[in-house]
Amino acid sequence: MTHVVSESCIQCKYTDCVDVCPVDCFREGPNFLTIDPDECIDCAVCIPECPVNAIYAEEDLPADQQHMTQINAELALLPTWKSITKRKAPLATADEWKDKTGKLGELIR
């Protein structure tokens, strides 16, 4: 099993989760973080750190977010999505986007 970043992260990109990850499994894109399923050790320490509750254990992923498992895996393989291991400031508009749903169309690959 792995953990999955859901659509809630899109246009927010809070990075509190990367500070606690013991294996550096997060990858950073322009407006989203993803978890590399081959690196994730299923420790779950990132889940409570996310201020928008965007991270789920794969088996707990809501039905309307199941597509994000594949998206996380695909994005983690992109050469432009680099490992992120230190907290950064969220996107400037994060507070405006944090409570919005249906953000998949906003994802920049």
N, C-alpha and C. Protein backbone atom coordinates (compact mmCIF):
# COMPACT_ATOMS: atom_id res chain seq x y z
N MET A 1 0.84 -1.19 0.00
CA MET A 1 0.00 0.00 0.00
C MET A 1 0.88 1.24 0.00
N THR A 2 0.26 2.33 -0.37
CA THR A 2 0.94 3.62 -0.40
C THR A 2 -0.03 4.69 0.08
N HIS A 3 0.45 5.88 0.14
CA HIS A 3 -0.40 7.02 0.44
C HIS A 3 -0.57 7.82 -0.84
N VAL A 4 -1.67 8.56 -0.91
CA VAL A 4 -2.05 9.26 -2.13
C VAL A 4 -2.42 10.69 -1.78
N VAL A 5 -1.94 11.62 -2.60
CA VAL A 5 -2.33 13.02 -2.45
C VAL A 5 -3.56 13.25 -3.33
N SER A 6 -4.60 13.77 -2.73
CA SER A 6 -5.86 13.98 -3.45
C SER A 6 -5.91 15.37 -4.08
N GLU A 7 -7.01 15.63 -4.77
CA GLU A 7 -7.21 16.91 -5.46
C GLU A 7 -7.16 18.11 -4.52
N SER A 8 -7.38 17.90 -3.24
CA SER A 8 -7.38 19.02 -2.29
C SER A 8 -6.07 19.79 -2.30
N CYS A 9 -4.98 19.15 -2.70
CA CYS A 9 -3.66 19.79 -2.74
C CYS A 9 -3.50 20.72 -3.94
N ILE A 10 -4.23 20.49 -4.99
CA ILE A 10 -4.08 21.28 -6.21
C ILE A 10 -4.36 22.75 -5.92
N GLN A 11 -3.47 23.60 -6.38
CA GLN A 11 -3.52 25.05 -6.22
C GLN A 11 -3.25 25.50 -4.79
N CYS A 12 -2.83 24.59 -3.91
CA CYS A 12 -2.48 24.96 -2.54
C CYS A 12 -0.99 24.69 -2.31
N LYS A 13 -0.64 23.42 -2.43
CA LYS A 13 0.74 22.96 -2.29
C LYS A 13 1.36 23.36 -0.96
N TYR A 14 0.63 23.08 0.12
CA TYR A 14 1.22 23.21 1.44
C TYR A 14 2.26 22.10 1.55
N THR A 15 3.37 22.37 2.17
CA THR A 15 4.46 21.38 2.19
C THR A 15 4.81 20.92 3.60
N ASP A 16 3.91 21.06 4.53
CA ASP A 16 4.14 20.61 5.90
C ASP A 16 4.47 19.12 5.92
N CYS A 17 3.87 18.38 5.01
CA CYS A 17 4.02 16.92 4.95
C CYS A 17 5.45 16.49 4.62
N VAL A 18 6.15 17.25 3.82
CA VAL A 18 7.48 16.81 3.39
C VAL A 18 8.50 16.84 4.52
N ASP A 19 8.30 17.72 5.50
CA ASP A 19 9.22 17.80 6.63
C ASP A 19 9.25 16.53 7.47
N VAL A 20 8.13 15.81 7.51
CA VAL A 20 8.06 14.63 8.38
C VAL A 20 8.30 13.32 7.65
N CYS A 21 8.37 13.34 6.34
CA CYS A 21 8.52 12.11 5.56
C CYS A 21 9.93 11.51 5.77
N PRO A 22 10.01 10.29 6.28
CA PRO A 22 11.32 9.70 6.55
C PRO A 22 12.03 9.16 5.31
N VAL A 23 11.32 9.04 4.20
CA VAL A 23 11.94 8.46 3.00
C VAL A 23 11.92 9.40 1.80
N ASP A 24 11.52 10.62 1.98
CA ASP A 24 11.55 11.61 0.90
C ASP A 24 10.78 11.15 -0.33
N CYS A 25 9.53 10.75 -0.14
CA CYS A 25 8.74 10.23 -1.25
C CYS A 25 7.90 11.28 -1.97
N PHE A 26 7.94 12.53 -1.51
CA PHE A 26 7.15 13.58 -2.16
C PHE A 26 7.88 14.14 -3.37
N ARG A 27 7.11 14.42 -4.41
CA ARG A 27 7.61 15.06 -5.62
C ARG A 27 6.81 16.35 -5.81
N GLU A 28 7.49 17.37 -6.32
CA GLU A 28 6.86 18.68 -6.44
C GLU A 28 6.65 19.07 -7.89
N GLY A 29 5.42 19.47 -8.19
CA GLY A 29 5.09 20.02 -9.49
C GLY A 29 4.73 21.48 -9.34
N PRO A 30 4.30 22.11 -10.41
CA PRO A 30 4.00 23.54 -10.36
C PRO A 30 2.93 23.94 -9.34
N ASN A 31 1.88 23.12 -9.20
CA ASN A 31 0.81 23.50 -8.27
C ASN A 31 0.23 22.31 -7.51
N PHE A 32 1.07 21.30 -7.27
CA PHE A 32 0.60 20.07 -6.63
C PHE A 32 1.80 19.29 -6.13
N LEU A 33 1.61 18.54 -5.06
CA LEU A 33 2.60 17.58 -4.59
C LEU A 33 2.06 16.19 -4.84
N THR A 34 2.93 15.27 -5.14
CA THR A 34 2.52 13.89 -5.34
C THR A 34 3.39 12.98 -4.48
N ILE A 35 2.92 11.79 -4.24
CA ILE A 35 3.69 10.79 -3.50
C ILE A 35 4.11 9.71 -4.47
N ASP A 36 5.39 9.41 -4.48
CA ASP A 36 5.92 8.34 -5.31
C ASP A 36 5.57 7.01 -4.63
N PRO A 37 4.70 6.21 -5.25
CA PRO A 37 4.27 4.96 -4.60
C PRO A 37 5.39 3.95 -4.43
N ASP A 38 6.45 4.08 -5.22
CA ASP A 38 7.58 3.16 -5.07
C ASP A 38 8.48 3.54 -3.91
N GLU A 39 8.37 4.76 -3.43
CA GLU A 39 9.19 5.24 -2.31
C GLU A 39 8.44 5.23 -0.98
N CYS A 40 7.14 5.42 -1.03
CA CYS A 40 6.32 5.50 0.19
C CYS A 40 6.39 4.20 0.98
N ILE A 41 6.64 4.33 2.28
CA ILE A 41 6.71 3.13 3.15
C ILE A 41 5.46 2.96 4.00
N ASP A 42 4.42 3.74 3.70
CA ASP A 42 3.13 3.59 4.37
C ASP A 42 3.21 3.89 5.87
N CYS A 43 4.02 4.87 6.24
CA CYS A 43 4.18 5.18 7.67
C CYS A 43 3.07 6.08 8.21
N ALA A 44 2.42 6.83 7.35
CA ALA A 44 1.27 7.67 7.69
C ALA A 44 1.60 8.93 8.48
N VAL A 45 2.86 9.27 8.69
CA VAL A 45 3.17 10.47 9.46
C VAL A 45 2.80 11.75 8.73
N CYS A 46 2.65 11.68 7.42
CA CYS A 46 2.30 12.87 6.64
C CYS A 46 0.82 13.24 6.76
N ILE A 47 -0.02 12.28 7.02
CA ILE A 47 -1.47 12.52 7.01
C ILE A 47 -1.90 13.65 7.95
N PRO A 48 -1.53 13.61 9.23
CA PRO A 48 -1.99 14.68 10.12
C PRO A 48 -1.32 16.03 9.88
N GLU A 49 -0.25 16.05 9.11
CA GLU A 49 0.47 17.30 8.85
C GLU A 49 -0.18 18.16 7.78
N CYS A 50 -0.99 17.56 6.93
CA CYS A 50 -1.58 18.30 5.81
C CYS A 50 -2.73 19.20 6.30
N PRO A 51 -2.59 20.51 6.13
CA PRO A 51 -3.63 21.41 6.60
C PRO A 51 -4.94 21.36 5.82
N VAL A 52 -4.93 20.72 4.64
CA VAL A 52 -6.17 20.62 3.86
C VAL A 52 -6.66 19.18 3.76
N ASN A 53 -6.09 18.30 4.56
CA ASN A 53 -6.50 16.88 4.59
C ASN A 53 -6.48 16.26 3.21
N ALA A 54 -5.40 16.48 2.48
CA ALA A 54 -5.29 15.99 1.11
C ALA A 54 -4.65 14.61 1.00
N ILE A 55 -4.09 14.08 2.08
CA ILE A 55 -3.35 12.82 2.00
C ILE A 55 -4.14 11.70 2.66
N TYR A 56 -4.20 10.59 1.93
CA TYR A 56 -4.95 9.42 2.41
C TYR A 56 -4.12 8.16 2.22
N ALA A 57 -4.34 7.19 3.09
CA ALA A 57 -3.85 5.85 2.80
C ALA A 57 -4.65 5.38 1.59
N GLU A 58 -4.01 4.67 0.70
CA GLU A 58 -4.67 4.26 -0.55
C GLU A 58 -6.02 3.58 -0.29
N GLU A 59 -6.08 2.74 0.73
CA GLU A 59 -7.32 2.02 1.00
C GLU A 59 -8.41 2.91 1.60
N ASP A 60 -8.05 4.11 2.06
CA ASP A 60 -9.02 5.04 2.64
C ASP A 60 -9.40 6.18 1.70
N LEU A 61 -8.86 6.17 0.51
CA LEU A 61 -9.12 7.23 -0.46
C LEU A 61 -10.61 7.27 -0.79
N PRO A 62 -11.24 8.43 -0.70
CA PRO A 62 -12.68 8.51 -1.03
C PRO A 62 -12.94 8.06 -2.47
N ALA A 63 -14.11 7.56 -2.70
CA ALA A 63 -14.48 7.03 -4.02
C ALA A 63 -14.28 8.06 -5.13
N ASP A 64 -14.59 9.33 -4.83
CA ASP A 64 -14.47 10.35 -5.87
C ASP A 64 -13.02 10.81 -6.09
N GLN A 65 -12.08 10.19 -5.38
CA GLN A 65 -10.66 10.52 -5.54
C GLN A 65 -9.82 9.32 -5.98
N GLN A 66 -10.45 8.22 -6.32
CA GLN A 66 -9.73 7.01 -6.71
C GLN A 66 -8.79 7.25 -7.89
N HIS A 67 -9.16 8.12 -8.79
CA HIS A 67 -8.34 8.43 -9.96
C HIS A 67 -6.98 9.01 -9.56
N MET A 68 -6.87 9.54 -8.37
CA MET A 68 -5.64 10.18 -7.94
C MET A 68 -4.51 9.18 -7.65
N THR A 69 -4.85 7.93 -7.43
CA THR A 69 -3.81 6.92 -7.22
C THR A 69 -2.94 6.82 -8.47
N GLN A 70 -3.57 6.70 -9.61
CA GLN A 70 -2.84 6.61 -10.88
C GLN A 70 -2.13 7.92 -11.22
N ILE A 71 -2.79 9.02 -10.95
CA ILE A 71 -2.19 10.33 -11.24
C ILE A 71 -0.94 10.54 -10.40
N ASN A 72 -0.99 10.18 -9.11
CA ASN A 72 0.20 10.29 -8.26
C ASN A 72 1.34 9.47 -8.84
N ALA A 73 1.05 8.25 -9.24
CA ALA A 73 2.09 7.36 -9.79
C ALA A 73 2.67 7.93 -11.08
N GLU A 74 1.84 8.44 -11.95
CA GLU A 74 2.31 9.00 -13.22
C GLU A 74 3.17 10.24 -13.01
N LEU A 75 2.70 11.15 -12.17
CA LEU A 75 3.43 12.39 -11.95
C LEU A 75 4.77 12.15 -11.26
N ALA A 76 4.81 11.18 -10.37
CA ALA A 76 6.06 10.88 -9.66
C ALA A 76 7.17 10.44 -10.60
N LEU A 77 6.80 9.93 -11.78
CA LEU A 77 7.79 9.47 -12.75
C LEU A 77 8.28 10.57 -13.70
N LEU A 78 7.59 11.70 -13.71
CA LEU A 78 7.99 12.77 -14.62
C LEU A 78 9.34 13.36 -14.20
N PRO A 79 10.26 13.51 -15.13
CA PRO A 79 11.59 14.03 -14.77
C PRO A 79 11.57 15.46 -14.25
N THR A 80 10.54 16.21 -14.57
CA THR A 80 10.46 17.59 -14.10
C THR A 80 9.89 17.69 -12.68
N TRP A 81 9.32 16.61 -12.18
CA TRP A 81 8.78 16.58 -10.82
C TRP A 81 9.89 16.06 -9.92
N LYS A 82 10.55 16.97 -9.22
CA LYS A 82 11.70 16.63 -8.40
C LYS A 82 11.31 16.34 -6.95
N SER A 83 12.16 15.60 -6.28
CA SER A 83 11.97 15.31 -4.87
C SER A 83 11.98 16.61 -4.07
N ILE A 84 11.09 16.70 -3.12
CA ILE A 84 11.05 17.84 -2.21
C ILE A 84 11.18 17.31 -0.79
N THR A 85 12.13 17.86 -0.04
CA THR A 85 12.41 17.34 1.30
C THR A 85 12.32 18.40 2.39
N LYS A 86 12.15 19.64 2.01
CA LYS A 86 12.07 20.73 2.98
C LYS A 86 10.82 21.57 2.73
N ARG A 87 10.23 22.01 3.80
CA ARG A 87 9.03 22.84 3.71
C ARG A 87 9.31 24.14 2.97
N LYS A 88 8.36 24.53 2.15
CA LYS A 88 8.39 25.80 1.43
C LYS A 88 7.08 26.52 1.71
N ALA A 89 7.03 27.76 1.36
CA ALA A 89 5.78 28.51 1.49
C ALA A 89 4.75 27.92 0.52
N PRO A 90 3.48 27.87 0.92
CA PRO A 90 2.45 27.40 -0.01
C PRO A 90 2.29 28.39 -1.15
N LEU A 91 1.53 28.02 -2.14
CA LEU A 91 1.25 28.93 -3.24
C LEU A 91 0.57 30.19 -2.69
N ALA A 92 0.81 31.30 -3.32
CA ALA A 92 0.29 32.58 -2.85
C ALA A 92 -1.23 32.59 -2.73
N THR A 93 -1.91 31.81 -3.57
CA THR A 93 -3.38 31.77 -3.56
C THR A 93 -3.94 30.57 -2.79
N ALA A 94 -3.11 29.91 -2.01
CA ALA A 94 -3.52 28.68 -1.32
C ALA A 94 -4.76 28.87 -0.46
N ASP A 95 -4.80 29.96 0.29
CA ASP A 95 -5.95 30.19 1.16
C ASP A 95 -7.25 30.34 0.38
N GLU A 96 -7.17 30.88 -0.82
CA GLU A 96 -8.36 31.02 -1.66
C GLU A 96 -8.85 29.68 -2.20
N TRP A 97 -7.92 28.73 -2.40
CA TRP A 97 -8.24 27.45 -3.02
C TRP A 97 -8.47 26.31 -2.03
N LYS A 98 -8.04 26.46 -0.78
CA LYS A 98 -7.99 25.31 0.13
C LYS A 98 -9.32 24.60 0.37
N ASP A 99 -10.42 25.30 0.29
CA ASP A 99 -11.72 24.68 0.55
C ASP A 99 -12.49 24.33 -0.72
N LYS A 100 -11.92 24.59 -1.87
CA LYS A 100 -12.60 24.28 -3.13
C LYS A 100 -12.47 22.79 -3.46
N THR A 101 -13.44 22.28 -4.18
CA THR A 101 -13.42 20.89 -4.63
C THR A 101 -13.42 20.85 -6.15
N GLY A 102 -13.23 19.66 -6.71
CA GLY A 102 -13.26 19.52 -8.16
C GLY A 102 -12.16 20.29 -8.85
N LYS A 103 -10.94 20.21 -8.33
CA LYS A 103 -9.84 21.01 -8.84
C LYS A 103 -8.96 20.31 -9.87
N LEU A 104 -9.33 19.12 -10.30
CA LEU A 104 -8.48 18.35 -11.21
C LEU A 104 -8.15 19.13 -12.48
N GLY A 105 -9.07 19.88 -13.00
CA GLY A 105 -8.83 20.67 -14.21
C GLY A 105 -7.78 21.75 -14.02
N GLU A 106 -7.45 22.07 -12.80
CA GLU A 106 -6.43 23.07 -12.49
C GLU A 106 -5.02 22.49 -12.39
N LEU A 107 -4.91 21.16 -12.38
CA LEU A 107 -3.61 20.51 -12.21
C LEU A 107 -2.68 20.81 -13.39
N ILE A 108 -1.51 21.32 -13.06
CA ILE A 108 -0.49 21.59 -14.07
C ILE A 108 0.53 20.46 -13.99
N ARG A 109 0.66 19.75 -15.10
CA ARG A 109 1.61 18.63 -15.13
C ARG A 109 2.97 19.11 -15.51
